[in-house]
Structures are given as structure tokens and as C-alpha cells.
PDB file of N, CA and C in Angstrom:
ATOM      1  N   MET A   1      10.529  -4.748   7.829  1.00  0.00           N
ATOM      2  CA  MET A   1       9.990  -3.907   6.692  1.00  0.00           C
ATOM      3  C   MET A   1       9.839  -2.466   7.046  1.00  0.00           C
ATOM      4  N   ARG A   2      10.103  -1.517   6.047  1.00  0.00           N
ATOM      5  CA  ARG A   2       9.973  -0.218   6.296  1.00  0.00           C
ATOM      6  C   ARG A   2       8.407   0.069   6.410  1.00  0.00           C
ATOM      7  N   LYS A   3       8.167   1.145   7.207  1.00  0.00           N
ATOM      8  CA  LYS A   3       6.786   1.390   7.583  1.00  0.00           C
ATOM      9  C   LYS A   3       6.222   2.582   6.608  1.00  0.00           C
ATOM     10  N   TYR A   4       5.454   2.307   5.706  1.00  0.00           N
ATOM     11  CA  TYR A   4       4.846   3.263   4.736  1.00  0.00           C
ATOM     12  C   TYR A   4       3.402   3.694   5.128  1.00  0.00           C
ATOM     13  N   GLU A   5       2.922   4.852   4.865  1.00  0.00           N
ATOM     14  CA  GLU A   5       1.697   5.180   5.067  1.00  0.00           C
ATOM     15  C   GLU A   5       0.697   4.363   4.117  1.00  0.00           C
ATOM     16  N   VAL A   6      -0.215   3.959   4.697  1.00  0.00           N
ATOM     17  CA  VAL A   6      -1.395   3.254   3.962  1.00  0.00           C
ATOM     18  C   VAL A   6      -2.719   4.120   4.089  1.00  0.00           C
ATOM     19  N   ILE A   7      -3.388   4.231   3.101  1.00  0.00           N
ATOM     20  CA  ILE A   7      -4.712   5.031   3.147  1.00  0.00           C
ATOM     21  C   ILE A   7      -5.746   3.860   2.626  1.00  0.00           C
ATOM     22  N   ILE A   8      -6.623   3.709   3.552  1.00  0.00           N
ATOM     23  CA  ILE A   8      -7.731   2.668   3.217  1.00  0.00           C
ATOM     24  C   ILE A   8      -9.084   3.434   3.212  1.00  0.00           C
ATOM     25  N   TYR A   9      -9.864   3.290   2.040  1.00  0.00           N
ATOM     26  CA  TYR A   9     -11.135   3.752   1.886  1.00  0.00           C
ATOM     27  C   TYR A   9     -12.011   2.740   1.182  1.00  0.00           C
ATOM     28  N   TRP A  10     -13.265   2.951   1.376  1.00  0.00           N
ATOM     29  CA  TRP A  10     -14.160   2.275   0.510  1.00  0.00           C
ATOM     30  C   TRP A  10     -14.502   2.908  -0.765  1.00  0.00           C
ATOM     31  N   SER A  11     -14.468   2.088  -1.923  1.00  0.00           N
ATOM     32  CA  SER A  11     -14.807   2.637  -3.305  1.00  0.00           C
ATOM     33  C   SER A  11     -16.032   1.841  -3.715  1.00  0.00           C
ATOM     34  N   GLU A  12     -17.044   2.691  -3.876  1.00  0.00           N
ATOM     35  CA  GLU A  12     -18.379   2.183  -4.500  1.00  0.00           C
ATOM     36  C   GLU A  12     -18.031   1.679  -5.861  1.00  0.00           C
ATOM     37  N   GLU A  13     -17.225   2.381  -6.620  1.00  0.00           N
ATOM     38  CA  GLU A  13     -16.993   1.954  -8.001  1.00  0.00           C
ATOM     39  C   GLU A  13     -16.395   0.526  -8.057  1.00  0.00           C
ATOM     40  N   ASP A  14     -15.435   0.228  -7.182  1.00  0.00           N
ATOM     41  CA  ASP A  14     -14.846  -1.127  -7.130  1.00  0.00           C
ATOM     42  C   ASP A  14     -15.570  -2.121  -6.194  1.00  0.00           C
ATOM     43  N   GLY A  15     -16.557  -1.574  -5.362  1.00  0.00           N
ATOM     44  CA  GLY A  15     -17.301  -2.470  -4.439  1.00  0.00           C
ATOM     45  C   GLY A  15     -16.257  -3.216  -3.542  1.00  0.00           C
ATOM     46  N   ALA A  16     -15.282  -2.454  -3.188  1.00  0.00           N
ATOM     47  CA  ALA A  16     -14.325  -3.128  -2.153  1.00  0.00           C
ATOM     48  C   ALA A  16     -13.530  -1.962  -1.406  1.00  0.00           C
ATOM     49  N   PHE A  17     -12.799  -2.237  -0.358  1.00  0.00           N
ATOM     50  CA  PHE A  17     -11.971  -1.327   0.293  1.00  0.00           C
ATOM     51  C   PHE A  17     -10.613  -1.346  -0.461  1.00  0.00           C
ATOM     52  N   VAL A  18     -10.192  -0.084  -0.618  1.00  0.00           N
ATOM     53  CA  VAL A  18      -9.030   0.238  -1.483  1.00  0.00           C
ATOM     54  C   VAL A  18      -7.944   0.728  -0.562  1.00  0.00           C
ATOM     55  N   ALA A  19      -6.682   0.003  -0.621  1.00  0.00           N
ATOM     56  CA  ALA A  19      -5.568   0.547   0.151  1.00  0.00           C
ATOM     57  C   ALA A  19      -4.484   1.122  -0.712  1.00  0.00           C
ATOM     58  N   GLU A  20      -4.132   2.286  -0.574  1.00  0.00           N
ATOM     59  CA  GLU A  20      -3.168   3.082  -1.472  1.00  0.00           C
ATOM     60  C   GLU A  20      -1.864   3.432  -0.465  1.00  0.00           C
ATOM     61  N   VAL A  21      -0.743   3.266  -1.179  1.00  0.00           N
ATOM     62  CA  VAL A  21       0.513   3.607  -0.533  1.00  0.00           C
ATOM     63  C   VAL A  21       1.073   4.837  -1.227  1.00  0.00           C
ATOM     64  N   PRO A  22       0.857   6.059  -0.868  1.00  0.00           N
ATOM     65  CA  PRO A  22       1.208   7.142  -1.577  1.00  0.00           C
ATOM     66  C   PRO A  22       2.616   7.323  -2.001  1.00  0.00           C
ATOM     67  N   GLU A  23       3.417   6.843  -1.116  1.00  0.00           N
ATOM     68  CA  GLU A  23       4.828   7.022  -1.316  1.00  0.00           C
ATOM     69  C   GLU A  23       5.521   6.101  -2.183  1.00  0.00           C
ATOM     70  N   LEU A  24       4.742   5.111  -2.576  1.00  0.00           N
ATOM     71  CA  LEU A  24       5.196   4.091  -3.595  1.00  0.00           C
ATOM     72  C   LEU A  24       4.359   4.045  -4.842  1.00  0.00           C
ATOM     73  N   PRO A  25       4.641   4.841  -5.856  1.00  0.00           N
ATOM     74  CA  PRO A  25       3.923   5.053  -6.947  1.00  0.00           C
ATOM     75  C   PRO A  25       3.253   3.692  -7.628  1.00  0.00           C
ATOM     76  N   GLY A  26       1.940   3.664  -7.772  1.00  0.00           N
ATOM     77  CA  GLY A  26       1.256   2.548  -8.304  1.00  0.00           C
ATOM     78  C   GLY A  26       1.009   1.290  -7.405  1.00  0.00           C
ATOM     79  N   CYS A  27       1.363   1.548  -6.047  1.00  0.00           N
ATOM     80  CA  CYS A  27       1.264   0.555  -4.930  1.00  0.00           C
ATOM     81  C   CYS A  27      -0.146   0.793  -4.363  1.00  0.00           C
ATOM     82  N   VAL A  28      -1.040  -0.358  -4.920  1.00  0.00           N
ATOM     83  CA  VAL A  28      -2.424  -0.177  -4.522  1.00  0.00           C
ATOM     84  C   VAL A  28      -2.868  -1.626  -4.437  1.00  0.00           C
ATOM     85  N   ALA A  29      -3.752  -1.939  -3.292  1.00  0.00           N
ATOM     86  CA  ALA A  29      -4.316  -3.200  -3.156  1.00  0.00           C
ATOM     87  C   ALA A  29      -5.834  -3.021  -2.787  1.00  0.00           C
ATOM     88  N   HIS A  30      -6.543  -4.070  -2.644  1.00  0.00           N
ATOM     89  CA  HIS A  30      -7.915  -3.885  -2.283  1.00  0.00           C
ATOM     90  C   HIS A  30      -8.335  -5.201  -1.517  1.00  0.00           C
ATOM     91  N   GLY A  31      -9.607  -5.143  -0.880  1.00  0.00           N
ATOM     92  CA  GLY A  31     -10.095  -6.252  -0.099  1.00  0.00           C
ATOM     93  C   GLY A  31     -11.551  -6.140   0.176  1.00  0.00           C
ATOM     94  N   SER A  32     -12.322  -7.049   0.563  1.00  0.00           N
ATOM     95  CA  SER A  32     -13.592  -7.048   0.773  1.00  0.00           C
ATOM     96  C   SER A  32     -13.948  -6.330   2.176  1.00  0.00           C
ATOM     97  N   ILE A  33     -12.883  -6.557   3.073  1.00  0.00           N
ATOM     98  CA  ILE A  33     -13.065  -5.831   4.548  1.00  0.00           C
ATOM     99  C   ILE A  33     -11.623  -4.969   4.573  1.00  0.00           C
ATOM    100  N   HIS A  34     -11.728  -4.015   5.467  1.00  0.00           N
ATOM    101  CA  HIS A  34     -10.477  -3.301   5.583  1.00  0.00           C
ATOM    102  C   HIS A  34      -9.263  -4.008   6.037  1.00  0.00           C
ATOM    103  N   GLU A  35      -9.388  -5.032   6.951  1.00  0.00           N
ATOM    104  CA  GLU A  35      -8.382  -5.903   7.261  1.00  0.00           C
ATOM    105  C   GLU A  35      -7.663  -6.580   6.112  1.00  0.00           C
ATOM    106  N   SER A  36      -8.496  -7.115   5.160  1.00  0.00           N
ATOM    107  CA  SER A  36      -7.922  -7.726   4.087  1.00  0.00           C
ATOM    108  C   SER A  36      -7.166  -6.834   3.084  1.00  0.00           C
ATOM    109  N   ALA A  37      -7.756  -5.576   2.971  1.00  0.00           N
ATOM    110  CA  ALA A  37      -7.214  -4.596   2.050  1.00  0.00           C
ATOM    111  C   ALA A  37      -5.773  -4.299   2.599  1.00  0.00           C
ATOM    112  N   LEU A  38      -5.640  -4.056   4.050  1.00  0.00           N
ATOM    113  CA  LEU A  38      -4.417  -3.713   4.601  1.00  0.00           C
ATOM    114  C   LEU A  38      -3.401  -4.904   4.612  1.00  0.00           C
ATOM    115  N   ALA A  39      -3.761  -6.166   4.806  1.00  0.00           N
ATOM    116  CA  ALA A  39      -2.929  -7.321   4.501  1.00  0.00           C
ATOM    117  C   ALA A  39      -2.547  -7.374   3.105  1.00  0.00           C
ATOM    118  N   ASN A  40      -3.299  -7.166   2.110  1.00  0.00           N
ATOM    119  CA  ASN A  40      -3.022  -7.154   0.680  1.00  0.00           C
ATOM    120  C   ASN A  40      -2.066  -5.970   0.426  1.00  0.00           C
ATOM    121  N   ALA A  41      -2.247  -4.853   1.086  1.00  0.00           N
ATOM    122  CA  ALA A  41      -1.338  -3.711   0.873  1.00  0.00           C
ATOM    123  C   ALA A  41       0.102  -4.016   1.361  1.00  0.00           C
ATOM    124  N   LEU A  42       0.213  -4.569   2.446  1.00  0.00           N
ATOM    125  CA  LEU A  42       1.499  -4.990   3.011  1.00  0.00           C
ATOM    126  C   LEU A  42       2.258  -6.009   1.982  1.00  0.00           C
ATOM    127  N   GLU A  43       1.509  -6.901   1.465  1.00  0.00           N
ATOM    128  CA  GLU A  43       2.025  -7.767   0.469  1.00  0.00           C
ATOM    129  C   GLU A  43       2.599  -6.908  -0.858  1.00  0.00           C
ATOM    130  N   ALA A  44       1.677  -6.076  -1.165  1.00  0.00           N
ATOM    131  CA  ALA A  44       2.020  -5.222  -2.365  1.00  0.00           C
ATOM    132  C   ALA A  44       3.289  -4.304  -1.991  1.00  0.00           C
ATOM    133  N   ILE A  45       3.367  -3.833  -0.898  1.00  0.00           N
ATOM    134  CA  ILE A  45       4.688  -2.954  -0.410  1.00  0.00           C
ATOM    135  C   ILE A  45       5.809  -3.859  -0.615  1.00  0.00           C
ATOM    136  N   ARG A  46       5.691  -5.125  -0.013  1.00  0.00           N
ATOM    137  CA  ARG A  46       6.920  -6.177  -0.105  1.00  0.00           C
ATOM    138  C   ARG A  46       7.243  -6.255  -1.552  1.00  0.00           C
ATOM    139  N   LEU A  47       6.284  -6.597  -2.346  1.00  0.00           N
ATOM    140  CA  LEU A  47       6.588  -6.836  -3.866  1.00  0.00           C
ATOM    141  C   LEU A  47       7.131  -5.712  -4.573  1.00  0.00           C
ATOM    142  N   TRP A  48       6.665  -4.435  -4.173  1.00  0.00           N
ATOM    143  CA  TRP A  48       7.014  -3.207  -4.910  1.00  0.00           C
ATOM    144  C   TRP A  48       8.513  -2.927  -4.519  1.00  0.00           C
ATOM    145  N   LEU A  49       8.870  -3.097  -3.247  1.00  0.00           N
ATOM    146  CA  LEU A  49      10.225  -3.027  -2.800  1.00  0.00           C
ATOM    147  C   LEU A  49      11.207  -4.003  -3.378  1.00  0.00           C
ATOM    148  N   ASP A  50      10.789  -5.303  -3.421  1.00  0.00           N
ATOM    149  CA  ASP A  50      11.569  -6.433  -4.090  1.00  0.00           C
ATOM    150  C   ASP A  50      11.807  -6.034  -5.500  1.00  0.00           C
ATOM    151  N   THR A  51      10.917  -5.525  -6.203  1.00  0.00           N
ATOM    152  CA  THR A  51      10.903  -5.193  -7.664  1.00  0.00           C
ATOM    153  C   THR A  51      11.874  -4.144  -7.856  1.00  0.00           C
ATOM    154  N   ALA A  52      11.723  -3.051  -7.063  1.00  0.00           N
ATOM    155  CA  ALA A  52      12.650  -1.795  -7.106  1.00  0.00           C
ATOM    156  C   ALA A  52      13.898  -2.234  -6.938  1.00  0.00           C
ATOM    157  N   GLN A  53      14.204  -3.083  -5.925  1.00  0.00           N
ATOM    158  CA  GLN A  53      15.695  -3.494  -5.472  1.00  0.00           C
ATOM    159  C   GLN A  53      16.135  -4.224  -6.646  1.00  0.00           C
ATOM    160  N   GLU A  54      15.393  -5.109  -7.329  1.00  0.00           N
ATOM    161  CA  GLU A  54      15.973  -6.088  -8.403  1.00  0.00           C
ATOM    162  C   GLU A  54      16.344  -5.233  -9.533  1.00  0.00           C
ATOM    163  N   PHE A  55      15.660  -4.119  -9.877  1.00  0.00           N
ATOM    164  CA  PHE A  55      15.902  -3.442 -11.082  1.00  0.00           C
ATOM    165  C   PHE A  55      16.720  -2.136 -10.679  1.00  0.00           C
ATOM    166  N   GLY A  56      17.127  -1.878  -9.405  1.00  0.00           N
ATOM    167  CA  GLY A  56      18.004  -0.848  -8.944  1.00  0.00           C
ATOM    168  C   GLY A  56      17.338   0.460  -9.052  1.00  0.00           C
ATOM    169  N   ASP A  57      16.084   0.425  -8.911  1.00  0.00           N
ATOM    170  CA  ASP A  57      15.302   1.629  -8.954  1.00  0.00           C
ATOM    171  C   ASP A  57      15.365   2.325  -7.511  1.00  0.00           C
ATOM    172  N   PRO A  58      15.363   3.622  -7.358  1.00  0.00           N
ATOM    173  CA  PRO A  58      15.429   4.142  -6.034  1.00  0.00           C
ATOM    174  C   PRO A  58      14.131   3.800  -5.193  1.00  0.00           C
ATOM    175  N   ILE A  59      14.442   3.626  -3.851  1.00  0.00           N
ATOM    176  CA  ILE A  59      13.412   3.282  -2.916  1.00  0.00           C
ATOM    177  C   ILE A  59      13.330   4.500  -1.914  1.00  0.00           C
ATOM    178  N   PRO A  60      12.120   5.000  -1.963  1.00  0.00           N
ATOM    179  CA  PRO A  60      11.954   6.279  -1.004  1.00  0.00           C
ATOM    180  C   PRO A  60      11.907   5.849   0.497  1.00  0.00           C
ATOM    181  N   GLU A  61      12.526   6.712   1.320  1.00  0.00           N
ATOM    182  CA  GLU A  61      12.394   6.543   2.700  1.00  0.00           C
ATOM    183  C   GLU A  61      11.026   6.817   3.103  1.00  0.00           C
ATOM    184  N   PRO A  62      10.446   5.963   4.065  1.00  0.00           N
ATOM    185  CA  PRO A  62       9.144   6.320   4.727  1.00  0.00           C
ATOM    186  C   PRO A  62       9.114   7.642   5.358  1.00  0.00           C
ATOM    187  N   LYS A  63       8.072   8.343   5.431  1.00  0.00           N
ATOM    188  CA  LYS A  63       7.782   9.616   6.145  1.00  0.00           C
ATOM    189  C   LYS A  63       7.589   9.427   7.491  1.00  0.00           C
ATOM    190  N   GLY A  64       7.090   8.194   7.915  1.00  0.00           N
ATOM    191  CA  GLY A  64       6.858   7.804   9.241  1.00  0.00           C
ATOM    192  C   GLY A  64       5.482   8.341   9.653  1.00  0.00           C
ATOM    193  N   ARG A  65       4.523   8.439   8.759  1.00  0.00           N
ATOM    194  CA  ARG A  65       3.212   8.728   9.070  1.00  0.00           C
ATOM    195  C   ARG A  65       2.481   7.550   9.663  1.00  0.00           C
ATOM    196  N   ARG A  66       1.432   7.710  10.246  1.00  0.00           N
ATOM    197  CA  ARG A  66       0.627   6.589  10.739  1.00  0.00           C
ATOM    198  C   ARG A  66      -0.261   5.999   9.640  1.00  0.00           C
ATOM    199  N   LEU A  67      -0.925   4.762  10.042  1.00  0.00           N
ATOM    200  CA  LEU A  67      -1.919   4.207   9.117  1.00  0.00           C
ATOM    201  C   LEU A  67      -3.167   5.121   9.304  1.00  0.00           C
ATOM    202  N   ILE A  68      -3.905   5.299   8.149  1.00  0.00           N
ATOM    203  CA  ILE A  68      -5.099   6.084   8.103  1.00  0.00           C
ATOM    204  C   ILE A  68      -6.242   5.196   7.608  1.00  0.00           C
ATOM    205  N   PHE A  69      -7.259   5.018   8.332  1.00  0.00           N
ATOM    206  CA  PHE A  69      -8.468   4.401   7.850  1.00  0.00           C
ATOM    207  C   PHE A  69      -9.460   5.455   7.510  1.00  0.00           C
ATOM    208  N   ALA A  70     -10.147   5.450   6.525  1.00  0.00           N
ATOM    209  CA  ALA A  70     -11.154   6.371   6.198  1.00  0.00           C
ATOM    210  C   ALA A  70     -12.453   5.730   5.738  1.00  0.00           C
TER     211      ALA A  70
END
């Protein structure tokens, strides 16, 4: 799998950790702990890429940044 940047932060509004993948528009996941948010984000990345490929949409190359936990 390609390695995309994942930003994880606590959302008071959602009452959960939110994991955003900035390079993939709309690719967001959440979890009650940051590990589950990350696991859900990895699944969301896979689904995002599968869907883009299925519809012939462009897939951005990862910029090679590290995982960020905030």
C-alpha cells in the first residue's frame, strides 16, 4: 500500500479521535482510541484507492511524510 500522511487528533465535538488523510480528499476516519482511528484510516485509504481505481479517477502520489499524532 502507498504510504500517505495521516493526521490524528482528538475532537471534542465528535467525542473521538479523528484521522484525516490530507492527500486524499474526503478520506477521514475516527475511533475511540488513536490506534483504532489509525486502523480505520488505513482501511479508509484502501477503500478510497480502490474506488478511485474503479472509476478511473487520478490517484495522488504520497508525499512521503511521516505519521503525525496530535
